[in-house]
Amino acid sequence: MRRAAVTTALALLGIVPLLATGCKSSSNHEREENEQEVTLDQVPQVVRDTFTRESGGAPMGTVKREQEKGKTLYEVRITKGAKTVEVEVDEAGNVVRRRDVK
């Protein structure tokens, strides 16, 4: 009986990380489905100004527009030398997130 309980507990411990990973990737998948590629001239001028300021003249990747919690956000990847940064900006041109991309 005790051996069966230990086996069951170990099996559950092996499944929990898989379930957590599945939930995380599902959330990322939903977010990606919400993203739409747009051209730089399709974003508000204040967003363009912020992207230009953040890039400092460095190349920018594809601009994406997404709805998150009822707000429109724009994101772009900027590559400066060997470093790539993802910058997320709201409609007012405020940087809401900046993160290094590997």
C-alpha atoms as a PDB file:
ATOM      1  CA  MET A   1       0.000   0.000   0.000  1.00  0.00           C
ATOM      2  CA  ARG A   2       2.764   2.406   0.982  1.00  0.00           C
ATOM      3  CA  ARG A   3       4.683   1.585  -2.190  1.00  0.00           C
ATOM      4  CA  ALA A   4       1.631   2.382  -4.326  1.00  0.00           C
ATOM      5  CA  ALA A   5       1.226   5.737  -2.574  1.00  0.00           C
ATOM      6  CA  VAL A   6       4.891   6.615  -3.172  1.00  0.00           C
ATOM      7  CA  THR A   7       4.628   5.583  -6.829  1.00  0.00           C
ATOM      8  CA  THR A   8       1.495   7.693  -7.283  1.00  0.00           C
ATOM      9  CA  ALA A   9       3.132  10.699  -5.607  1.00  0.00           C
ATOM     10  CA  LEU A  10       6.218  10.420  -7.824  1.00  0.00           C
ATOM     11  CA  ALA A  11       4.043  10.122 -10.928  1.00  0.00           C
ATOM     12  CA  LEU A  12       2.114  13.245  -9.949  1.00  0.00           C
ATOM     13  CA  LEU A  13       5.347  15.137  -9.315  1.00  0.00           C
ATOM     14  CA  GLY A  14       6.433  14.272 -12.842  1.00  0.00           C
ATOM     15  CA  ILE A  15       3.153  15.488 -14.346  1.00  0.00           C
ATOM     16  CA  VAL A  16       2.885  18.822 -12.521  1.00  0.00           C
ATOM     17  CA  PRO A  17       5.827  20.496 -14.354  1.00  0.00           C
ATOM     18  CA  LEU A  18       4.412  19.304 -17.669  1.00  0.00           C
ATOM     19  CA  LEU A  19       1.033  20.818 -16.861  1.00  0.00           C
ATOM     20  CA  ALA A  20       2.620  24.106 -15.820  1.00  0.00           C
ATOM     21  CA  THR A  21       4.650  24.232 -19.031  1.00  0.00           C
ATOM     22  CA  GLY A  22       1.534  23.535 -21.061  1.00  0.00           C
ATOM     23  CA  CYS A  23      -0.308  26.403 -19.371  1.00  0.00           C
ATOM     24  CA  LYS A  24       2.535  28.817 -19.994  1.00  0.00           C
ATOM     25  CA  SER A  25       2.881  27.943 -23.659  1.00  0.00           C
ATOM     26  CA  SER A  26      -0.890  28.195 -24.065  1.00  0.00           C
ATOM     27  CA  SER A  27      -0.783  31.743 -22.691  1.00  0.00           C
ATOM     28  CA  ASN A  28       2.050  32.663 -25.060  1.00  0.00           C
ATOM     29  CA  HIS A  29       0.152  31.097 -27.951  1.00  0.00           C
ATOM     30  CA  GLU A  30      -2.945  33.179 -27.181  1.00  0.00           C
ATOM     31  CA  ARG A  31      -0.812  36.314 -27.034  1.00  0.00           C
ATOM     32  CA  GLU A  32       0.804  35.504 -30.396  1.00  0.00           C
ATOM     33  CA  GLU A  33      -2.621  34.989 -31.978  1.00  0.00           C
ATOM     34  CA  ASN A  34      -3.557  38.472 -30.780  1.00  0.00           C
ATOM     35  CA  GLU A  35      -0.539  40.068 -32.499  1.00  0.00           C
ATOM     36  CA  GLN A  36      -0.824  41.635 -35.922  1.00  0.00           C
ATOM     37  CA  GLU A  37       2.101  42.777 -38.051  1.00  0.00           C
ATOM     38  CA  VAL A  38       1.839  46.414 -39.119  1.00  0.00           C
ATOM     39  CA  THR A  39       4.086  48.824 -40.962  1.00  0.00           C
ATOM     40  CA  LEU A  40       5.784  51.661 -39.135  1.00  0.00           C
ATOM     41  CA  ASP A  41       3.574  54.220 -40.872  1.00  0.00           C
ATOM     42  CA  GLN A  42       0.471  52.425 -39.523  1.00  0.00           C
ATOM     43  CA  VAL A  43       1.341  53.245 -35.899  1.00  0.00           C
ATOM     44  CA  PRO A  44       0.636  56.572 -34.181  1.00  0.00           C
ATOM     45  CA  GLN A  45       3.320  59.234 -34.633  1.00  0.00           C
ATOM     46  CA  VAL A  46       4.149  59.259 -30.887  1.00  0.00           C
ATOM     47  CA  VAL A  47       4.839  55.507 -31.069  1.00  0.00           C
ATOM     48  CA  ARG A  48       7.086  55.996 -34.122  1.00  0.00           C
ATOM     49  CA  ASP A  49       8.938  58.756 -32.280  1.00  0.00           C
ATOM     50  CA  THR A  50       9.495  56.466 -29.282  1.00  0.00           C
ATOM     51  CA  PHE A  51      10.715  53.601 -31.472  1.00  0.00           C
ATOM     52  CA  THR A  52      13.095  55.970 -33.280  1.00  0.00           C
ATOM     53  CA  ARG A  53      14.414  57.342 -29.990  1.00  0.00           C
ATOM     54  CA  GLU A  54      14.818  53.834 -28.522  1.00  0.00           C
ATOM     55  CA  SER A  55      16.608  52.529 -31.605  1.00  0.00           C
ATOM     56  CA  GLY A  56      19.077  55.404 -31.824  1.00  0.00           C
ATOM     57  CA  GLY A  57      19.286  54.750 -35.561  1.00  0.00           C
ATOM     58  CA  ALA A  58      19.792  50.985 -35.180  1.00  0.00           C
ATOM     59  CA  PRO A  59      17.767  48.628 -37.395  1.00  0.00           C
ATOM     60  CA  MET A  60      14.250  47.784 -36.263  1.00  0.00           C
ATOM     61  CA  GLY A  61      12.432  44.539 -36.956  1.00  0.00           C
ATOM     62  CA  THR A  62       8.782  43.953 -37.703  1.00  0.00           C
ATOM     63  CA  VAL A  63       6.327  46.094 -35.767  1.00  0.00           C
ATOM     64  CA  LYS A  64       3.487  44.197 -34.090  1.00  0.00           C
ATOM     65  CA  ARG A  65       0.221  45.556 -32.725  1.00  0.00           C
ATOM     66  CA  GLU A  66      -1.676  43.699 -30.025  1.00  0.00           C
ATOM     67  CA  GLN A  67      -4.588  44.151 -27.660  1.00  0.00           C
ATOM     68  CA  GLU A  68      -3.741  43.417 -24.046  1.00  0.00           C
ATOM     69  CA  LYS A  69      -6.209  44.004 -21.222  1.00  0.00           C
ATOM     70  CA  GLY A  70      -8.226  46.341 -23.442  1.00  0.00           C
ATOM     71  CA  LYS A  71      -5.212  48.463 -24.435  1.00  0.00           C
ATOM     72  CA  THR A  72      -3.406  48.639 -27.754  1.00  0.00           C
ATOM     73  CA  LEU A  73       0.324  48.002 -27.529  1.00  0.00           C
ATOM     74  CA  TYR A  74       3.023  48.095 -30.187  1.00  0.00           C
ATOM     75  CA  GLU A  75       6.252  46.119 -30.047  1.00  0.00           C
ATOM     76  CA  VAL A  76       9.413  46.030 -32.092  1.00  0.00           C
ATOM     77  CA  ARG A  77      12.800  44.339 -31.857  1.00  0.00           C
ATOM     78  CA  ILE A  78      15.808  46.611 -32.112  1.00  0.00           C
ATOM     79  CA  THR A  79      19.283  45.240 -32.826  1.00  0.00           C
ATOM     80  CA  LYS A  80      22.292  47.232 -31.662  1.00  0.00           C
ATOM     81  CA  GLY A  81      25.478  45.335 -32.465  1.00  0.00           C
ATOM     82  CA  ALA A  82      25.175  41.870 -30.962  1.00  0.00           C
ATOM     83  CA  LYS A  83      22.347  42.892 -28.610  1.00  0.00           C
ATOM     84  CA  THR A  84      18.651  42.650 -29.491  1.00  0.00           C
ATOM     85  CA  VAL A  85      16.034  44.373 -27.354  1.00  0.00           C
ATOM     86  CA  GLU A  86      12.259  44.052 -27.577  1.00  0.00           C
ATOM     87  CA  VAL A  87      10.485  47.324 -26.802  1.00  0.00           C
ATOM     88  CA  GLU A  88       6.750  47.493 -26.082  1.00  0.00           C
ATOM     89  CA  VAL A  89       5.026  50.882 -26.268  1.00  0.00           C
ATOM     90  CA  ASP A  90       1.452  51.995 -25.525  1.00  0.00           C
ATOM     91  CA  GLU A  91      -0.622  54.257 -27.792  1.00  0.00           C
ATOM     92  CA  ALA A  92       0.612  57.357 -25.958  1.00  0.00           C
ATOM     93  CA  GLY A  93       4.240  56.516 -26.786  1.00  0.00           C
ATOM     94  CA  ASN A  94       5.177  55.351 -23.276  1.00  0.00           C
ATOM     95  CA  VAL A  95       7.584  52.427 -23.007  1.00  0.00           C
ATOM     96  CA  VAL A  96       5.732  49.796 -20.970  1.00  0.00           C
ATOM     97  CA  ARG A  97       8.289  47.002 -21.318  1.00  0.00           C
ATOM     98  CA  ARG A  98      11.855  46.611 -22.486  1.00  0.00           C
ATOM     99  CA  ARG A  99      13.584  43.232 -22.448  1.00  0.00           C
ATOM    100  CA  ASP A 100      16.695  41.626 -23.859  1.00  0.00           C
ATOM    101  CA  VAL A 101      16.090  38.945 -26.466  1.00  0.00           C
ATOM    102  CA  LYS A 102      18.454  35.991 -26.724  1.00  0.00           C
END
